[in-house]
Amino acid sequence: MPSRGLPSTQDALRILAEKRTRPQRRPPPPAGRSLTPLLKALDARFGQGPGALQARWREIVGPEIARRTEPVKLTKARGGAPSSLEIRVAGPAAAIIQHQAHEILARVNLFLGAEAVQKLRVVQGPLRFKPEPARAPVRRLPPLDAAEEAKLARDMADAPDGPLKAALTALGRGVLRQRR
């Protein structure tokens, strides 16, 4: 068998132009691209659930009701039956919450969409999340007058410039405001 020599440069270019090379390996598509239709279908079928309500419960029902309640389970009924929301109520407030059921349902339906929930189920029990205590309003103190500010600046004149001097000046202002 005669030995074949190496092809010339022109022959090599012609061979490479005619031959199909293996396609470059592509990375897999982003997971979100294939998961988005699935998540949309699940959301349409089962709804948002109590997680969406839990995150914004205080805004939905107001601070007084939110202090005593928490959403537990959102049940989407099958076959046209009414869907229901189960809420847990702390202690003897269940009777009061039961009387406010229509108002709570109206607010929840405003958040989730018209007629998303038709029934409210009230269950007594301890709340999993601690209610936030009512905060006292913050009282702002008036600023120092020019004479007190000048005296503070004179007292701090010997201190070297830097973050320590700024912190001490702020502390001095706070102390002088409290003395008023």
N, C-alpha and C. Protein backbone atom coordinates (compact mmCIF):
# COMPACT_ATOMS: atom_id res chain seq x y z
N MET A 1 0.84 -1.16 0.00
CA MET A 1 0.00 0.00 0.00
C MET A 1 0.89 1.23 0.00
N PRO A 2 0.65 2.10 -0.96
CA PRO A 2 1.51 3.28 -1.03
C PRO A 2 1.20 4.21 0.14
N SER A 3 2.22 4.86 0.66
CA SER A 3 2.02 5.81 1.77
C SER A 3 1.51 7.13 1.22
N ARG A 4 0.65 7.64 1.93
CA ARG A 4 0.05 8.90 1.53
C ARG A 4 0.71 10.02 2.30
N GLY A 5 1.04 11.06 1.66
CA GLY A 5 1.69 12.19 2.33
C GLY A 5 0.66 13.12 2.96
N LEU A 6 1.14 14.06 3.67
CA LEU A 6 0.25 15.05 4.29
C LEU A 6 -0.35 15.94 3.22
N PRO A 7 -1.62 16.37 3.41
CA PRO A 7 -2.23 17.24 2.41
C PRO A 7 -1.62 18.64 2.47
N SER A 8 -1.70 19.31 1.36
CA SER A 8 -1.19 20.68 1.31
C SER A 8 -2.14 21.60 2.09
N THR A 9 -1.73 22.82 2.23
CA THR A 9 -2.54 23.78 2.97
C THR A 9 -3.87 24.01 2.29
N GLN A 10 -3.86 24.11 0.95
CA GLN A 10 -5.12 24.32 0.22
C GLN A 10 -6.03 23.10 0.36
N ASP A 11 -5.44 21.90 0.28
CA ASP A 11 -6.24 20.69 0.44
C ASP A 11 -6.84 20.61 1.85
N ALA A 12 -6.08 20.98 2.86
CA ALA A 12 -6.56 20.95 4.25
C ALA A 12 -7.73 21.92 4.43
N LEU A 13 -7.62 23.12 3.87
CA LEU A 13 -8.71 24.10 3.97
C LEU A 13 -9.96 23.61 3.25
N ARG A 14 -9.78 22.97 2.08
CA ARG A 14 -10.91 22.45 1.33
C ARG A 14 -11.59 21.32 2.12
N ILE A 15 -10.81 20.43 2.70
CA ILE A 15 -11.36 19.31 3.48
C ILE A 15 -12.13 19.83 4.69
N LEU A 16 -11.56 20.82 5.39
CA LEU A 16 -12.23 21.38 6.57
C LEU A 16 -13.51 22.11 6.19
N ALA A 17 -13.53 22.76 5.04
CA ALA A 17 -14.73 23.47 4.59
C ALA A 17 -15.83 22.48 4.21
N GLU A 18 -15.47 21.33 3.66
CA GLU A 18 -16.46 20.34 3.23
C GLU A 18 -16.98 19.51 4.40
N LYS A 19 -16.14 19.18 5.35
CA LYS A 19 -16.53 18.31 6.46
C LYS A 19 -17.34 19.09 7.50
N ARG A 20 -18.29 18.39 8.03
CA ARG A 20 -19.05 18.97 9.13
C ARG A 20 -18.31 18.63 10.42
N THR A 21 -18.11 19.61 11.22
CA THR A 21 -17.45 19.36 12.49
C THR A 21 -18.53 19.13 13.56
N ARG A 22 -18.14 18.60 14.64
CA ARG A 22 -19.06 18.35 15.75
C ARG A 22 -19.51 19.71 16.31
N PRO A 23 -20.82 19.90 16.53
CA PRO A 23 -21.28 21.19 17.04
C PRO A 23 -20.74 21.44 18.45
N GLN A 24 -20.56 22.69 18.72
CA GLN A 24 -20.04 23.08 20.03
C GLN A 24 -21.08 22.72 21.10
N ARG A 25 -20.62 22.21 22.22
CA ARG A 25 -21.52 21.80 23.30
C ARG A 25 -22.15 23.04 23.92
N ARG A 26 -23.47 23.03 23.98
CA ARG A 26 -24.20 24.16 24.55
C ARG A 26 -24.53 23.87 26.01
N PRO A 27 -24.49 24.90 26.83
CA PRO A 27 -24.89 24.68 28.23
C PRO A 27 -26.39 24.46 28.30
N PRO A 28 -26.86 23.82 29.36
CA PRO A 28 -28.30 23.59 29.50
C PRO A 28 -29.02 24.93 29.65
N PRO A 29 -30.29 25.00 29.26
CA PRO A 29 -31.03 26.25 29.41
C PRO A 29 -31.24 26.57 30.89
N PRO A 30 -31.46 27.83 31.21
CA PRO A 30 -31.71 28.19 32.61
C PRO A 30 -32.93 27.44 33.17
N ALA A 31 -32.85 27.07 34.42
CA ALA A 31 -33.93 26.29 35.04
C ALA A 31 -35.23 27.08 35.08
N GLY A 32 -35.13 28.38 35.22
CA GLY A 32 -36.33 29.20 35.29
C GLY A 32 -37.15 29.14 34.02
N ARG A 33 -36.50 28.93 32.89
CA ARG A 33 -37.23 28.90 31.62
C ARG A 33 -38.19 27.72 31.58
N SER A 34 -37.77 26.58 32.09
CA SER A 34 -38.66 25.42 32.05
C SER A 34 -39.56 25.34 33.28
N LEU A 35 -39.18 25.97 34.38
CA LEU A 35 -40.01 25.92 35.59
C LEU A 35 -41.14 26.94 35.58
N THR A 36 -40.99 28.03 34.86
CA THR A 36 -42.00 29.09 34.88
C THR A 36 -43.38 28.59 34.46
N PRO A 37 -43.51 27.85 33.32
CA PRO A 37 -44.86 27.37 32.98
C PRO A 37 -45.44 26.42 34.03
N LEU A 38 -44.59 25.59 34.63
CA LEU A 38 -45.06 24.68 35.66
C LEU A 38 -45.55 25.44 36.88
N LEU A 39 -44.79 26.44 37.32
CA LEU A 39 -45.19 27.22 38.49
C LEU A 39 -46.47 28.01 38.22
N LYS A 40 -46.61 28.54 37.01
CA LYS A 40 -47.84 29.26 36.69
C LYS A 40 -49.05 28.32 36.73
N ALA A 41 -48.87 27.11 36.22
CA ALA A 41 -49.98 26.14 36.23
C ALA A 41 -50.34 25.75 37.67
N LEU A 42 -49.32 25.53 38.51
CA LEU A 42 -49.59 25.18 39.91
C LEU A 42 -50.25 26.33 40.65
N ASP A 43 -49.82 27.55 40.38
CA ASP A 43 -50.41 28.71 41.03
C ASP A 43 -51.86 28.88 40.61
N ALA A 44 -52.15 28.64 39.33
CA ALA A 44 -53.52 28.75 38.86
C ALA A 44 -54.40 27.66 39.48
N ARG A 45 -53.82 26.49 39.70
CA ARG A 45 -54.61 25.38 40.22
C ARG A 45 -54.81 25.47 41.73
N PHE A 46 -53.75 25.79 42.46
CA PHE A 46 -53.82 25.74 43.92
C PHE A 46 -53.81 27.11 44.59
N GLY A 47 -53.56 28.18 43.89
CA GLY A 47 -53.58 29.51 44.48
C GLY A 47 -52.30 29.84 45.22
N GLN A 48 -52.30 31.00 45.84
CA GLN A 48 -51.10 31.49 46.50
C GLN A 48 -50.86 30.85 47.85
N GLY A 49 -51.88 30.43 48.53
CA GLY A 49 -51.71 29.77 49.82
C GLY A 49 -51.54 30.75 50.95
N PRO A 50 -51.38 30.21 52.16
CA PRO A 50 -51.29 31.09 53.32
C PRO A 50 -49.97 31.85 53.41
N GLY A 51 -48.95 31.44 52.66
CA GLY A 51 -47.66 32.14 52.71
C GLY A 51 -47.78 33.57 52.24
N ALA A 52 -48.53 33.80 51.17
CA ALA A 52 -48.73 35.15 50.67
C ALA A 52 -49.53 35.98 51.67
N LEU A 53 -50.48 35.33 52.31
CA LEU A 53 -51.26 36.04 53.32
C LEU A 53 -50.44 36.33 54.57
N GLN A 54 -49.62 35.36 54.99
CA GLN A 54 -48.82 35.53 56.20
C GLN A 54 -47.87 36.70 56.07
N ALA A 55 -47.28 36.86 54.91
CA ALA A 55 -46.30 37.93 54.71
C ALA A 55 -46.93 39.31 54.84
N ARG A 56 -48.19 39.45 54.46
CA ARG A 56 -48.82 40.77 54.46
C ARG A 56 -50.09 40.79 55.31
N TRP A 57 -50.19 39.90 56.27
CA TRP A 57 -51.39 39.77 57.08
C TRP A 57 -51.74 41.05 57.82
N ARG A 58 -50.76 41.70 58.35
CA ARG A 58 -50.98 42.94 59.11
C ARG A 58 -51.58 44.03 58.22
N GLU A 59 -51.10 44.12 56.97
CA GLU A 59 -51.64 45.12 56.05
C GLU A 59 -53.05 44.75 55.61
N ILE A 60 -53.33 43.47 55.47
CA ILE A 60 -54.62 43.03 54.95
C ILE A 60 -55.72 43.27 55.97
N VAL A 61 -55.54 42.79 57.18
CA VAL A 61 -56.63 42.84 58.16
C VAL A 61 -56.51 43.97 59.17
N GLY A 62 -55.39 44.64 59.21
CA GLY A 62 -55.21 45.73 60.16
C GLY A 62 -54.45 45.27 61.39
N PRO A 63 -53.86 46.22 62.13
CA PRO A 63 -53.00 45.84 63.26
C PRO A 63 -53.74 45.20 64.43
N GLU A 64 -54.98 45.60 64.70
CA GLU A 64 -55.71 45.05 65.84
C GLU A 64 -56.05 43.58 65.63
N ILE A 65 -56.56 43.25 64.45
CA ILE A 65 -56.92 41.86 64.17
C ILE A 65 -55.66 41.02 64.00
N ALA A 66 -54.62 41.57 63.36
CA ALA A 66 -53.39 40.83 63.12
C ALA A 66 -52.69 40.47 64.43
N ARG A 67 -52.88 41.28 65.47
CA ARG A 67 -52.24 41.00 66.75
C ARG A 67 -52.80 39.74 67.39
N ARG A 68 -54.04 39.39 67.05
CA ARG A 68 -54.71 38.26 67.69
C ARG A 68 -54.89 37.06 66.77
N THR A 69 -54.57 37.18 65.48
CA THR A 69 -54.83 36.10 64.52
C THR A 69 -53.63 35.85 63.62
N GLU A 70 -53.68 34.71 62.92
CA GLU A 70 -52.72 34.40 61.87
C GLU A 70 -53.36 33.41 60.91
N PRO A 71 -53.08 33.55 59.60
CA PRO A 71 -53.64 32.59 58.65
C PRO A 71 -52.92 31.25 58.75
N VAL A 72 -53.67 30.16 58.66
CA VAL A 72 -53.09 28.83 58.78
C VAL A 72 -53.14 28.09 57.45
N LYS A 73 -54.34 28.02 56.86
CA LYS A 73 -54.50 27.19 55.66
C LYS A 73 -55.53 27.82 54.74
N LEU A 74 -55.20 27.85 53.46
CA LEU A 74 -56.13 28.32 52.44
C LEU A 74 -56.50 27.11 51.60
N THR A 75 -57.78 26.71 51.66
CA THR A 75 -58.24 25.51 50.98
C THR A 75 -59.04 25.93 49.76
N LYS A 76 -58.55 25.54 48.57
CA LYS A 76 -59.27 25.82 47.34
C LYS A 76 -60.12 24.59 47.03
N ALA A 77 -61.44 24.77 47.04
CA ALA A 77 -62.36 23.65 46.88
C ALA A 77 -62.44 23.21 45.42
N ARG A 78 -62.85 21.96 45.25
CA ARG A 78 -63.01 21.40 43.91
C ARG A 78 -64.49 21.36 43.55
N GLY A 79 -64.76 21.39 42.28
CA GLY A 79 -66.13 21.22 41.82
C GLY A 79 -67.06 22.36 42.16
N GLY A 80 -66.56 23.56 42.26
CA GLY A 80 -67.42 24.71 42.50
C GLY A 80 -67.80 24.94 43.96
N ALA A 81 -67.30 24.12 44.87
CA ALA A 81 -67.60 24.33 46.29
C ALA A 81 -66.85 25.57 46.77
N PRO A 82 -67.35 26.22 47.81
CA PRO A 82 -66.69 27.45 48.27
C PRO A 82 -65.32 27.16 48.89
N SER A 83 -64.35 28.01 48.57
CA SER A 83 -63.03 27.86 49.17
C SER A 83 -63.05 28.50 50.55
N SER A 84 -62.12 28.07 51.41
CA SER A 84 -62.15 28.55 52.79
C SER A 84 -60.75 28.91 53.27
N LEU A 85 -60.73 29.81 54.24
CA LEU A 85 -59.50 30.24 54.88
C LEU A 85 -59.60 29.88 56.35
N GLU A 86 -58.58 29.19 56.84
CA GLU A 86 -58.55 28.83 58.25
C GLU A 86 -57.59 29.79 58.95
N ILE A 87 -58.07 30.43 60.00
CA ILE A 87 -57.21 31.33 60.77
C ILE A 87 -57.16 30.86 62.21
N ARG A 88 -56.00 31.02 62.82
CA ARG A 88 -55.82 30.67 64.23
C ARG A 88 -55.97 31.95 65.05
N VAL A 89 -56.73 31.84 66.13
CA VAL A 89 -57.01 33.00 66.98
C VAL A 89 -56.51 32.71 68.38
N ALA A 90 -55.85 33.69 68.97
CA ALA A 90 -55.31 33.54 70.32
C ALA A 90 -56.41 33.77 71.35
N GLY A 91 -56.61 32.76 72.19
CA GLY A 91 -57.46 32.88 73.36
C GLY A 91 -58.91 33.24 73.11
N PRO A 92 -59.47 34.02 74.03
CA PRO A 92 -60.91 34.32 73.99
C PRO A 92 -61.30 35.33 72.92
N ALA A 93 -60.38 35.77 72.12
CA ALA A 93 -60.70 36.73 71.06
C ALA A 93 -61.43 36.07 69.91
N ALA A 94 -61.63 34.75 69.95
CA ALA A 94 -62.28 34.03 68.86
C ALA A 94 -63.70 34.51 68.63
N ALA A 95 -64.41 34.82 69.69
CA ALA A 95 -65.79 35.29 69.53
C ALA A 95 -65.82 36.64 68.82
N ILE A 96 -64.92 37.51 69.16
CA ILE A 96 -64.86 38.83 68.52
C ILE A 96 -64.48 38.68 67.05
N ILE A 97 -63.51 37.82 66.78
CA ILE A 97 -63.07 37.60 65.40
C ILE A 97 -64.19 36.97 64.58
N GLN A 98 -64.96 36.07 65.19
CA GLN A 98 -66.08 35.44 64.49
C GLN A 98 -67.10 36.49 64.05
N HIS A 99 -67.31 37.50 64.88
CA HIS A 99 -68.24 38.57 64.51
C HIS A 99 -67.68 39.46 63.41
N GLN A 100 -66.38 39.51 63.27
CA GLN A 100 -65.75 40.33 62.23
C GLN A 100 -65.42 39.51 60.98
N ALA A 101 -65.98 38.33 60.86
CA ALA A 101 -65.65 37.43 59.76
C ALA A 101 -65.95 38.04 58.41
N HIS A 102 -67.08 38.73 58.27
CA HIS A 102 -67.43 39.33 56.98
C HIS A 102 -66.41 40.40 56.58
N GLU A 103 -65.99 41.19 57.53
CA GLU A 103 -64.99 42.23 57.24
C GLU A 103 -63.64 41.61 56.87
N ILE A 104 -63.24 40.56 57.57
CA ILE A 104 -61.98 39.88 57.27
C ILE A 104 -62.04 39.25 55.88
N LEU A 105 -63.16 38.60 55.56
CA LEU A 105 -63.31 37.99 54.24
C LEU A 105 -63.26 39.05 53.13
N ALA A 106 -63.87 40.19 53.36
CA ALA A 106 -63.85 41.25 52.36
C ALA A 106 -62.42 41.74 52.13
N ARG A 107 -61.65 41.90 53.19
CA ARG A 107 -60.27 42.37 53.05
C ARG A 107 -59.38 41.33 52.38
N VAL A 108 -59.56 40.06 52.73
CA VAL A 108 -58.77 38.99 52.12
C VAL A 108 -59.09 38.88 50.63
N ASN A 109 -60.38 38.98 50.28
CA ASN A 109 -60.77 38.93 48.88
C ASN A 109 -60.28 40.14 48.10
N LEU A 110 -60.14 41.25 48.76
CA LEU A 110 -59.55 42.43 48.11
C LEU A 110 -58.09 42.17 47.77
N PHE A 111 -57.40 41.42 48.62
CA PHE A 111 -55.99 41.10 48.39
C PHE A 111 -55.82 39.98 47.37
N LEU A 112 -56.58 38.89 47.50
CA LEU A 112 -56.41 37.71 46.65
C LEU A 112 -57.20 37.78 45.35
N GLY A 113 -58.21 38.58 45.30
CA GLY A 113 -59.06 38.65 44.11
C GLY A 113 -60.50 38.40 44.50
N ALA A 114 -61.41 38.86 43.65
CA ALA A 114 -62.84 38.77 43.95
C ALA A 114 -63.26 37.31 44.14
N GLU A 115 -63.98 37.07 45.21
CA GLU A 115 -64.54 35.76 45.52
C GLU A 115 -63.48 34.65 45.61
N ALA A 116 -62.27 34.99 46.03
CA ALA A 116 -61.23 33.98 46.20
C ALA A 116 -61.52 33.10 47.42
N VAL A 117 -62.09 33.69 48.45
CA VAL A 117 -62.42 32.95 49.68
C VAL A 117 -63.87 33.24 50.02
N GLN A 118 -64.65 32.20 50.27
CA GLN A 118 -66.05 32.39 50.62
C GLN A 118 -66.34 32.07 52.09
N LYS A 119 -65.54 31.21 52.71
CA LYS A 119 -65.79 30.81 54.10
C LYS A 119 -64.56 31.10 54.95
N LEU A 120 -64.81 31.42 56.20
CA LEU A 120 -63.74 31.67 57.16
C LEU A 120 -63.91 30.68 58.30
N ARG A 121 -62.87 29.92 58.59
CA ARG A 121 -62.90 28.94 59.68
C ARG A 121 -62.00 29.46 60.79
N VAL A 122 -62.55 29.64 61.97
CA VAL A 122 -61.81 30.18 63.10
C VAL A 122 -61.44 29.04 64.03
N VAL A 123 -60.14 28.90 64.33
CA VAL A 123 -59.63 27.86 65.21
C VAL A 123 -58.90 28.54 66.36
N GLN A 124 -59.27 28.16 67.60
CA GLN A 124 -58.58 28.72 68.76
C GLN A 124 -57.29 27.98 69.01
N GLY A 125 -56.25 28.72 69.37
CA GLY A 125 -54.98 28.11 69.69
C GLY A 125 -53.90 29.16 69.81
N PRO A 126 -52.73 28.77 70.29
CA PRO A 126 -51.64 29.74 70.43
C PRO A 126 -51.09 30.13 69.05
N LEU A 127 -50.70 31.36 68.94
CA LEU A 127 -50.13 31.84 67.68
C LEU A 127 -48.68 31.39 67.57
N ARG A 128 -48.28 31.00 66.36
CA ARG A 128 -46.89 30.60 66.15
C ARG A 128 -45.96 31.80 66.14
N PHE A 129 -46.43 32.89 65.57
CA PHE A 129 -45.61 34.09 65.48
C PHE A 129 -46.00 35.04 66.59
N LYS A 130 -45.00 35.55 67.28
CA LYS A 130 -45.27 36.48 68.37
C LYS A 130 -45.79 37.79 67.80
N PRO A 131 -46.88 38.32 68.35
CA PRO A 131 -47.37 39.61 67.86
C PRO A 131 -46.40 40.72 68.26
N GLU A 132 -46.32 41.71 67.40
CA GLU A 132 -45.43 42.85 67.69
C GLU A 132 -46.09 43.73 68.74
N PRO A 133 -45.33 44.13 69.74
CA PRO A 133 -45.93 45.02 70.74
C PRO A 133 -46.19 46.39 70.14
N ALA A 134 -47.19 47.07 70.68
CA ALA A 134 -47.50 48.41 70.20
C ALA A 134 -46.33 49.33 70.57
N ARG A 135 -45.89 50.10 69.60
CA ARG A 135 -44.75 50.99 69.84
C ARG A 135 -45.24 52.36 70.26
N ALA A 136 -44.50 52.93 71.19
CA ALA A 136 -44.80 54.30 71.59
C ALA A 136 -44.31 55.25 70.51
N PRO A 137 -45.01 56.34 70.26
CA PRO A 137 -44.54 57.27 69.24
C PRO A 137 -43.21 57.89 69.64
N VAL A 138 -42.35 58.09 68.66
CA VAL A 138 -41.02 58.66 68.91
C VAL A 138 -41.16 60.16 69.05
N ARG A 139 -40.65 60.67 70.16
CA ARG A 139 -40.71 62.11 70.41
C ARG A 139 -39.39 62.74 70.00
N ARG A 140 -39.45 63.65 69.06
CA ARG A 140 -38.22 64.31 68.59
C ARG A 140 -37.93 65.50 69.50
N LEU A 141 -36.68 65.59 69.89
CA LEU A 141 -36.26 66.70 70.73
C LEU A 141 -35.88 67.88 69.84
N PRO A 142 -36.14 69.09 70.32
CA PRO A 142 -35.80 70.27 69.51
C PRO A 142 -34.27 70.42 69.43
N PRO A 143 -33.78 71.05 68.37
CA PRO A 143 -32.33 71.24 68.24
C PRO A 143 -31.80 72.23 69.28
N LEU A 144 -30.50 72.21 69.48
CA LEU A 144 -29.87 73.15 70.41
C LEU A 144 -29.93 74.56 69.84
N ASP A 145 -29.99 75.53 70.78
CA ASP A 145 -29.93 76.91 70.28
C ASP A 145 -28.47 77.28 70.00
N ALA A 146 -28.26 78.43 69.41
CA ALA A 146 -26.93 78.84 68.93
C ALA A 146 -25.92 78.95 70.07
N ALA A 147 -26.34 79.42 71.23
CA ALA A 147 -25.41 79.60 72.35
C ALA A 147 -24.92 78.24 72.85
N GLU A 148 -25.82 77.27 72.99
CA GLU A 148 -25.40 75.95 73.46
C GLU A 148 -24.52 75.25 72.42
N GLU A 149 -24.85 75.42 71.16
CA GLU A 149 -24.04 74.83 70.08
C GLU A 149 -22.64 75.42 70.07
N ALA A 150 -22.52 76.73 70.28
CA ALA A 150 -21.21 77.39 70.32
C ALA A 150 -20.39 76.91 71.52
N LYS A 151 -21.05 76.77 72.69
CA LYS A 151 -20.35 76.29 73.89
C LYS A 151 -19.84 74.86 73.67
N LEU A 152 -20.65 74.02 73.04
CA LEU A 152 -20.24 72.66 72.75
C LEU A 152 -19.05 72.65 71.79
N ALA A 153 -19.07 73.51 70.79
CA ALA A 153 -17.96 73.59 69.83
C ALA A 153 -16.68 74.04 70.53
N ARG A 154 -16.80 75.00 71.46
CA ARG A 154 -15.62 75.46 72.21
C ARG A 154 -15.06 74.34 73.09
N ASP A 155 -15.95 73.57 73.73
CA ASP A 155 -15.49 72.48 74.58
C ASP A 155 -14.79 71.38 73.78
N MET A 156 -15.22 71.17 72.55
CA MET A 156 -14.65 70.12 71.72
C MET A 156 -13.49 70.62 70.84
N ALA A 157 -13.11 71.88 70.97
CA ALA A 157 -12.07 72.45 70.10
C ALA A 157 -10.72 71.76 70.29
N ASP A 158 -10.40 71.33 71.51
CA ASP A 158 -9.09 70.71 71.77
C ASP A 158 -9.00 69.27 71.27
N ALA A 159 -10.12 68.63 71.01
CA ALA A 159 -10.10 67.24 70.56
C ALA A 159 -9.61 67.16 69.12
N PRO A 160 -8.84 66.12 68.78
CA PRO A 160 -8.36 66.00 67.40
C PRO A 160 -9.52 65.65 66.45
N ASP A 161 -9.42 66.19 65.23
CA ASP A 161 -10.47 65.93 64.24
C ASP A 161 -10.51 64.45 63.88
N GLY A 162 -11.72 63.95 63.60
CA GLY A 162 -11.88 62.55 63.21
C GLY A 162 -13.22 62.02 63.66
N PRO A 163 -13.41 60.73 63.50
CA PRO A 163 -14.70 60.13 63.85
C PRO A 163 -15.00 60.19 65.35
N LEU A 164 -13.96 60.14 66.17
CA LEU A 164 -14.18 60.21 67.62
C LEU A 164 -14.74 61.57 68.01
N LYS A 165 -14.20 62.62 67.43
CA LYS A 165 -14.69 63.96 67.73
C LYS A 165 -16.14 64.12 67.28
N ALA A 166 -16.48 63.60 66.11
CA ALA A 166 -17.85 63.69 65.61
C ALA A 166 -18.81 62.92 66.51
N ALA A 167 -18.38 61.75 66.99
CA ALA A 167 -19.23 60.96 67.87
C ALA A 167 -19.42 61.65 69.22
N LEU A 168 -18.35 62.23 69.75
CA LEU A 168 -18.46 62.94 71.03
C LEU A 168 -19.34 64.18 70.90
N THR A 169 -19.25 64.87 69.78
CA THR A 169 -20.09 66.05 69.55
C THR A 169 -21.56 65.63 69.49
N ALA A 170 -21.86 64.54 68.79
CA ALA A 170 -23.24 64.06 68.71
C ALA A 170 -23.74 63.64 70.09
N LEU A 171 -22.88 63.00 70.87
CA LEU A 171 -23.27 62.61 72.22
C LEU A 171 -23.54 63.84 73.08
N GLY A 172 -22.69 64.84 72.98
CA GLY A 172 -22.89 66.09 73.73
C GLY A 172 -24.21 66.76 73.37
N ARG A 173 -24.55 66.79 72.07
CA ARG A 173 -25.82 67.37 71.66
C ARG A 173 -26.99 66.61 72.29
N GLY A 174 -26.91 65.27 72.27
CA GLY A 174 -27.98 64.48 72.85
C GLY A 174 -28.15 64.71 74.33
N VAL A 175 -27.04 64.82 75.05
CA VAL A 175 -27.10 65.05 76.50
C VAL A 175 -27.68 66.42 76.77
N LEU A 176 -27.25 67.44 76.03
CA LEU A 176 -27.78 68.79 76.26
C LEU A 176 -29.26 68.89 75.91
N ARG A 177 -29.70 68.16 74.90
CA ARG A 177 -31.13 68.17 74.56
C ARG A 177 -31.95 67.52 75.68
N GLN A 178 -31.42 66.45 76.28
CA GLN A 178 -32.15 65.76 77.35
C GLN A 178 -32.28 66.63 78.59
N ARG A 179 -31.30 67.48 78.85
CA ARG A 179 -31.33 68.33 80.06
C ARG A 179 -32.43 69.37 80.00
N ARG A 180 -32.85 69.73 78.79
CA ARG A 180 -33.90 70.72 78.67
C ARG A 180 -35.11 70.18 79.29
